Protein backbone atom coordinates (compact mmCIF):
# COMPACT_ATOMS: atom_id res chain seq x y z
CA MET A 1 26.55 -39.06 -116.20
CA ASP A 2 26.98 -36.72 -113.00
CA LEU A 3 29.40 -33.68 -112.86
CA LYS A 4 30.59 -32.33 -109.62
CA ILE A 5 31.32 -28.90 -109.34
CA ILE A 6 34.56 -27.44 -108.07
CA ASP A 7 33.79 -24.99 -105.18
CA HIS A 8 36.77 -22.85 -105.59
CA ARG A 9 38.00 -20.29 -107.85
CA LEU A 10 41.10 -21.56 -110.01
CA THR A 11 44.21 -20.24 -111.43
CA VAL A 12 46.38 -21.68 -114.03
CA CYS A 13 50.11 -20.58 -114.02
CA LYS A 14 53.65 -21.47 -114.84
CA VAL A 15 56.27 -21.62 -112.10
CA ALA A 16 60.06 -21.81 -112.18
CA GLN A 17 60.50 -24.67 -109.71
CA THR A 18 58.47 -27.08 -107.77
CA ALA A 19 59.87 -25.39 -104.58
CA ASP A 20 57.80 -22.52 -105.24
CA ILE A 21 54.42 -24.61 -105.01
CA ASP A 22 52.82 -25.38 -101.60
CA LEU A 23 52.62 -29.07 -101.77
CA SER A 24 50.77 -29.28 -98.70
CA ALA A 25 47.53 -27.46 -100.37
CA ASP A 26 44.46 -29.78 -100.79
CA PHE A 27 43.86 -28.95 -104.20
CA TYR A 28 46.21 -28.65 -107.18
CA PHE A 29 47.61 -30.19 -110.38
CA ILE A 30 51.22 -30.11 -111.59
CA GLY A 31 52.41 -30.81 -115.21
CA LYS A 32 55.93 -30.87 -116.03
CA THR A 33 57.34 -31.33 -119.47
CA ASP A 34 60.99 -30.44 -121.07
CA GLU A 35 59.34 -27.09 -121.76
CA GLU A 36 57.53 -25.77 -118.69
CA LEU A 37 56.18 -26.42 -115.16
CA SER A 38 52.46 -25.77 -115.08
CA LEU A 39 50.28 -25.66 -111.97
CA VAL A 40 46.67 -25.55 -111.67
CA CYS A 41 45.63 -24.53 -108.07
CA LYS A 42 43.30 -22.58 -105.81
CA THR A 43 43.52 -18.83 -106.64
CA GLU A 44 44.43 -18.20 -102.97
CA ASP A 45 47.17 -20.88 -102.98
CA THR A 46 48.85 -19.46 -106.13
CA PRO A 47 52.68 -19.18 -105.60
CA GLU A 48 53.98 -15.74 -105.02
CA LYS A 49 56.54 -16.16 -107.97
CA THR A 50 55.08 -17.25 -111.07
CA LEU A 51 56.30 -16.73 -114.53
CA GLU A 52 52.84 -16.34 -116.01
CA ARG A 53 49.24 -16.47 -114.27
CA GLU A 54 45.74 -16.41 -115.46
CA ASP A 55 43.40 -16.20 -112.75
CA GLY A 56 39.37 -16.73 -113.10
CA TRP A 57 38.66 -20.41 -113.81
CA ARG A 58 36.00 -22.70 -112.31
CA GLY A 59 35.77 -26.20 -112.97
CA PHE A 60 33.85 -29.50 -112.52
CA ARG A 61 34.84 -33.11 -112.57
CA ILE A 62 33.21 -36.20 -113.90
CA GLN A 63 32.19 -37.93 -110.77
CA GLY A 64 33.37 -41.51 -110.08
CA MET A 65 36.41 -43.40 -111.41
CA LEU A 66 36.51 -43.65 -115.39
CA ASP A 67 37.88 -46.94 -116.72
CA PHE A 68 40.69 -46.54 -119.40
CA SER A 69 38.87 -48.40 -121.94
CA LEU A 70 35.95 -45.81 -121.80
CA ILE A 71 36.34 -43.55 -125.18
CA GLY A 72 35.09 -40.26 -126.04
CA ILE A 73 33.73 -38.78 -122.62
CA LEU A 74 35.98 -35.97 -122.62
CA ALA A 75 35.52 -35.29 -126.42
CA LYS A 76 31.55 -35.25 -126.02
CA LEU A 77 31.65 -32.73 -123.05
CA SER A 78 34.11 -30.49 -124.76
CA GLY A 79 32.18 -30.83 -128.06
CA ILE A 80 28.96 -29.64 -126.21
CA LEU A 81 30.80 -26.68 -124.63
CA ALA A 82 32.47 -25.70 -128.06
CA GLU A 83 29.20 -25.53 -129.87
CA GLN A 84 28.28 -22.93 -127.06
CA GLY A 85 31.56 -20.97 -127.73
CA ILE A 86 33.11 -21.93 -124.64
CA GLY A 87 36.91 -22.77 -124.48
CA ILE A 88 38.07 -25.34 -121.77
CA PHE A 89 41.41 -26.18 -120.06
CA ALA A 90 41.32 -29.98 -119.31
CA VAL A 91 43.01 -31.95 -116.70
CA SER A 92 43.04 -35.61 -116.27
CA THR A 93 43.93 -37.89 -113.34
CA TYR A 94 44.37 -41.43 -112.82
CA ASN A 95 40.43 -41.49 -111.60
CA THR A 96 38.87 -38.99 -113.81
CA ASP A 97 38.84 -35.77 -115.92
CA TYR A 98 38.41 -32.07 -114.78
CA ILE A 99 37.44 -29.52 -117.12
CA LEU A 100 37.91 -25.85 -116.29
CA VAL A 101 36.22 -22.72 -117.97
CA LYS A 102 36.57 -19.14 -117.76
CA GLU A 103 34.26 -17.85 -114.70
CA GLU A 104 32.16 -15.60 -116.98
CA ASN A 105 31.44 -18.80 -118.89
CA PHE A 106 30.58 -21.15 -116.09
CA ALA A 107 26.94 -20.63 -115.62
CA LYS A 108 26.45 -21.01 -119.53
CA ALA A 109 28.48 -24.33 -119.47
CA LEU A 110 26.65 -25.81 -116.63
CA THR A 111 23.31 -24.96 -118.33
CA ALA A 112 24.54 -26.30 -121.62
CA LEU A 113 25.67 -29.54 -120.06
CA ALA A 114 22.31 -29.94 -118.17
CA ALA A 115 20.43 -29.75 -121.15
CA GLU A 116 22.28 -32.49 -122.87
CA GLY A 117 21.16 -34.75 -120.07
CA TYR A 118 24.38 -34.40 -117.57
CA THR A 119 23.49 -34.06 -113.96
CA VAL A 120 25.47 -31.09 -112.49
CA GLY A 121 25.88 -30.54 -108.72
């Protein structure tokens, strides 16, 4: 399975309203529940007004479109990283899954996944 590195530094934050988000940016994830409005974006695109913010994330995605019938892909990847003591922040889209790790763990994460047979690039 191929993993594609996301080239930019990422920020995970909470915002008060969608009006605070630059929806013209080329890379972001928005999650809204009855409790919060979360945003993952390029660090340079982080809104000025955030309720909470954590910088220093790097990420990769599973290349290609994943069929909904596939089972355990995210669990396997997160398990490999958990064995290395690496926490993750996972985001799923219609097509695929993205895994974010703190920048200080990024090289270690990629090495661990490559050792398990994943192609990382």
